[in-house]
Amino acid sequence: MSEEDVLLFQELGRQIRESRERQHLTREALAEKMGIDPSHVWKLEKGKVNMKLTTFLKLYTLLSLPVPHRSI
């Protein structure tokens, strides 16, 4: 994974965490809504894992986040 990719995943994770907190959701509550383990939510928020497209779409739908974009 390139350094640019790492920075992108860290930024996505920051947005996920901030939105989750604004909505007063715990990691456990978000994980339950998504059907995943709370430790996986933590890893996503820290940008530690490359998320699947289905996970990404589910997160962004549940949290009502705008889909980020970058130039290729």
N, C-alpha and C. Protein backbone atom coordinates (compact mmCIF):
# COMPACT_ATOMS: atom_id res chain seq x y z
N MET A 1 0.85 -1.17 0.00
CA MET A 1 0.00 0.00 0.00
C MET A 1 0.90 1.24 0.00
N SER A 2 0.58 2.18 -0.85
CA SER A 2 1.40 3.40 -0.95
C SER A 2 1.15 4.31 0.24
N GLU A 3 2.04 5.25 0.43
CA GLU A 3 1.88 6.22 1.51
C GLU A 3 0.60 7.04 1.31
N GLU A 4 0.29 7.33 0.07
CA GLU A 4 -0.94 8.07 -0.24
C GLU A 4 -2.18 7.27 0.17
N ASP A 5 -2.14 5.96 -0.08
CA ASP A 5 -3.25 5.09 0.32
C ASP A 5 -3.40 5.05 1.84
N VAL A 6 -2.28 4.96 2.54
CA VAL A 6 -2.30 4.95 4.00
C VAL A 6 -2.95 6.23 4.52
N LEU A 7 -2.56 7.36 3.97
CA LEU A 7 -3.13 8.64 4.40
C LEU A 7 -4.63 8.70 4.09
N LEU A 8 -5.05 8.15 2.96
CA LEU A 8 -6.46 8.13 2.61
C LEU A 8 -7.26 7.30 3.63
N PHE A 9 -6.76 6.11 3.97
CA PHE A 9 -7.46 5.27 4.94
C PHE A 9 -7.49 5.91 6.32
N GLN A 10 -6.45 6.62 6.69
CA GLN A 10 -6.45 7.33 7.97
C GLN A 10 -7.49 8.44 7.97
N GLU A 11 -7.61 9.16 6.87
CA GLU A 11 -8.60 10.23 6.76
C GLU A 11 -10.01 9.66 6.78
N LEU A 12 -10.24 8.58 6.06
CA LEU A 12 -11.56 7.94 6.08
C LEU A 12 -11.90 7.50 7.50
N GLY A 13 -10.93 6.93 8.19
CA GLY A 13 -11.14 6.48 9.56
C GLY A 13 -11.49 7.63 10.49
N ARG A 14 -10.82 8.76 10.31
CA ARG A 14 -11.11 9.95 11.12
C ARG A 14 -12.55 10.41 10.90
N GLN A 15 -12.97 10.43 9.64
CA GLN A 15 -14.33 10.84 9.32
C GLN A 15 -15.36 9.88 9.92
N ILE A 16 -15.08 8.61 9.85
CA ILE A 16 -15.98 7.60 10.42
C ILE A 16 -16.11 7.81 11.93
N ARG A 17 -14.98 7.95 12.62
CA ARG A 17 -15.00 8.13 14.08
C ARG A 17 -15.75 9.39 14.47
N GLU A 18 -15.45 10.51 13.79
CA GLU A 18 -16.11 11.77 14.13
C GLU A 18 -17.61 11.69 13.91
N SER A 19 -18.03 11.08 12.82
CA SER A 19 -19.46 10.96 12.54
C SER A 19 -20.13 10.04 13.56
N ARG A 20 -19.47 8.94 13.88
CA ARG A 20 -20.02 8.02 14.87
C ARG A 20 -20.21 8.73 16.21
N GLU A 21 -19.21 9.49 16.62
CA GLU A 21 -19.28 10.21 17.89
C GLU A 21 -20.36 11.30 17.86
N ARG A 22 -20.49 12.00 16.74
CA ARG A 22 -21.54 13.04 16.62
C ARG A 22 -22.93 12.44 16.78
N GLN A 23 -23.06 11.20 16.34
CA GLN A 23 -24.35 10.52 16.42
C GLN A 23 -24.51 9.76 17.75
N HIS A 24 -23.56 9.95 18.64
CA HIS A 24 -23.59 9.32 19.97
C HIS A 24 -23.67 7.80 19.89
N LEU A 25 -22.94 7.24 18.93
CA LEU A 25 -22.87 5.79 18.79
C LEU A 25 -21.56 5.29 19.37
N THR A 26 -21.61 4.20 20.10
CA THR A 26 -20.38 3.56 20.54
C THR A 26 -19.86 2.71 19.38
N ARG A 27 -18.62 2.29 19.48
CA ARG A 27 -18.09 1.37 18.47
C ARG A 27 -18.91 0.09 18.46
N GLU A 28 -19.30 -0.35 19.65
CA GLU A 28 -20.08 -1.58 19.77
C GLU A 28 -21.43 -1.44 19.06
N ALA A 29 -22.09 -0.30 19.24
CA ALA A 29 -23.39 -0.08 18.61
C ALA A 29 -23.27 -0.04 17.09
N LEU A 30 -22.24 0.64 16.60
CA LEU A 30 -22.02 0.70 15.15
C LEU A 30 -21.71 -0.70 14.61
N ALA A 31 -20.86 -1.42 15.32
CA ALA A 31 -20.49 -2.77 14.90
C ALA A 31 -21.73 -3.66 14.83
N GLU A 32 -22.60 -3.53 15.81
CA GLU A 32 -23.81 -4.35 15.82
C GLU A 32 -24.69 -4.02 14.61
N LYS A 33 -24.85 -2.74 14.30
CA LYS A 33 -25.66 -2.33 13.14
C LYS A 33 -25.07 -2.88 11.84
N MET A 34 -23.73 -2.99 11.80
CA MET A 34 -23.05 -3.44 10.59
C MET A 34 -22.87 -4.95 10.53
N GLY A 35 -23.04 -5.62 11.67
CA GLY A 35 -22.83 -7.06 11.71
C GLY A 35 -21.36 -7.45 11.69
N ILE A 36 -20.52 -6.58 12.31
CA ILE A 36 -19.08 -6.87 12.39
C ILE A 36 -18.61 -6.76 13.83
N ASP A 37 -17.41 -7.18 14.10
CA ASP A 37 -16.82 -7.13 15.43
C ASP A 37 -16.41 -5.70 15.78
N PRO A 38 -16.62 -5.26 17.02
CA PRO A 38 -16.22 -3.90 17.42
C PRO A 38 -14.72 -3.63 17.20
N SER A 39 -13.89 -4.66 17.33
CA SER A 39 -12.46 -4.44 17.10
C SER A 39 -12.18 -4.08 15.64
N HIS A 40 -13.03 -4.55 14.74
CA HIS A 40 -12.87 -4.20 13.32
C HIS A 40 -13.23 -2.73 13.10
N VAL A 41 -14.25 -2.23 13.81
CA VAL A 41 -14.59 -0.81 13.73
C VAL A 41 -13.40 0.02 14.18
N TRP A 42 -12.76 -0.40 15.28
CA TRP A 42 -11.57 0.32 15.78
C TRP A 42 -10.50 0.36 14.70
N LYS A 43 -10.23 -0.77 14.06
CA LYS A 43 -9.20 -0.84 13.02
C LYS A 43 -9.55 0.06 11.83
N LEU A 44 -10.83 0.09 11.47
CA LEU A 44 -11.27 0.97 10.38
C LEU A 44 -11.06 2.43 10.75
N GLU A 45 -11.41 2.79 11.98
CA GLU A 45 -11.26 4.18 12.42
C GLU A 45 -9.81 4.60 12.50
N LYS A 46 -8.93 3.68 12.75
CA LYS A 46 -7.49 3.98 12.83
C LYS A 46 -6.81 3.89 11.46
N GLY A 47 -7.55 3.46 10.44
CA GLY A 47 -6.96 3.33 9.11
C GLY A 47 -6.00 2.16 9.02
N LYS A 48 -6.20 1.16 9.85
CA LYS A 48 -5.28 0.02 9.93
C LYS A 48 -5.60 -1.08 8.92
N VAL A 49 -6.80 -1.05 8.34
CA VAL A 49 -7.19 -2.10 7.41
C VAL A 49 -7.75 -1.49 6.13
N ASN A 50 -7.60 -2.23 5.06
CA ASN A 50 -8.15 -1.85 3.77
C ASN A 50 -9.57 -2.40 3.74
N MET A 51 -10.57 -1.54 3.83
CA MET A 51 -11.95 -2.03 3.93
C MET A 51 -12.50 -2.46 2.59
N LYS A 52 -13.38 -3.46 2.66
CA LYS A 52 -14.09 -3.92 1.47
C LYS A 52 -15.05 -2.84 1.02
N LEU A 53 -15.39 -2.86 -0.24
CA LEU A 53 -16.33 -1.89 -0.78
C LEU A 53 -17.68 -2.00 -0.08
N THR A 54 -18.13 -3.21 0.21
CA THR A 54 -19.42 -3.38 0.89
C THR A 54 -19.39 -2.78 2.29
N THR A 55 -18.28 -2.93 3.00
CA THR A 55 -18.14 -2.33 4.33
C THR A 55 -18.15 -0.82 4.22
N PHE A 56 -17.41 -0.30 3.25
CA PHE A 56 -17.34 1.14 3.02
C PHE A 56 -18.74 1.71 2.76
N LEU A 57 -19.49 1.08 1.87
CA LEU A 57 -20.82 1.58 1.52
C LEU A 57 -21.77 1.49 2.70
N LYS A 58 -21.69 0.41 3.46
CA LYS A 58 -22.54 0.26 4.64
C LYS A 58 -22.24 1.34 5.67
N LEU A 59 -20.95 1.58 5.92
CA LEU A 59 -20.54 2.62 6.87
C LEU A 59 -21.02 3.99 6.44
N TYR A 60 -20.78 4.32 5.21
CA TYR A 60 -21.12 5.66 4.73
C TYR A 60 -22.63 5.86 4.65
N THR A 61 -23.38 4.79 4.44
CA THR A 61 -24.84 4.88 4.45
C THR A 61 -25.35 5.05 5.88
N LEU A 62 -24.88 4.19 6.80
CA LEU A 62 -25.32 4.27 8.19
C LEU A 62 -24.98 5.61 8.83
N LEU A 63 -23.83 6.16 8.50
CA LEU A 63 -23.37 7.40 9.12
C LEU A 63 -23.71 8.64 8.29
N SER A 64 -24.35 8.43 7.14
CA SER A 64 -24.74 9.54 6.25
C SER A 64 -23.55 10.43 5.87
N LEU A 65 -22.45 9.79 5.52
CA LEU A 65 -21.25 10.52 5.12
C LEU A 65 -21.22 10.70 3.61
N PRO A 66 -20.67 11.82 3.14
CA PRO A 66 -20.48 11.98 1.69
C PRO A 66 -19.33 11.07 1.24
N VAL A 67 -19.46 10.51 0.07
CA VAL A 67 -18.41 9.64 -0.44
C VAL A 67 -17.22 10.49 -0.86
N PRO A 68 -16.04 10.23 -0.27
CA PRO A 68 -14.86 11.01 -0.62
C PRO A 68 -14.36 10.65 -2.01
N HIS A 69 -13.60 11.55 -2.58
CA HIS A 69 -13.00 11.28 -3.88
C HIS A 69 -11.61 11.87 -3.94
N ARG A 70 -10.84 11.35 -4.81
CA ARG A 70 -9.50 11.90 -5.05
C ARG A 70 -9.16 11.67 -6.52
N SER A 71 -8.25 12.44 -7.03
CA SER A 71 -7.84 12.30 -8.41
C SER A 71 -6.91 11.10 -8.52
N ILE A 72 -6.99 10.46 -9.66
CA ILE A 72 -6.11 9.31 -9.91
C ILE A 72 -4.95 9.76 -10.76
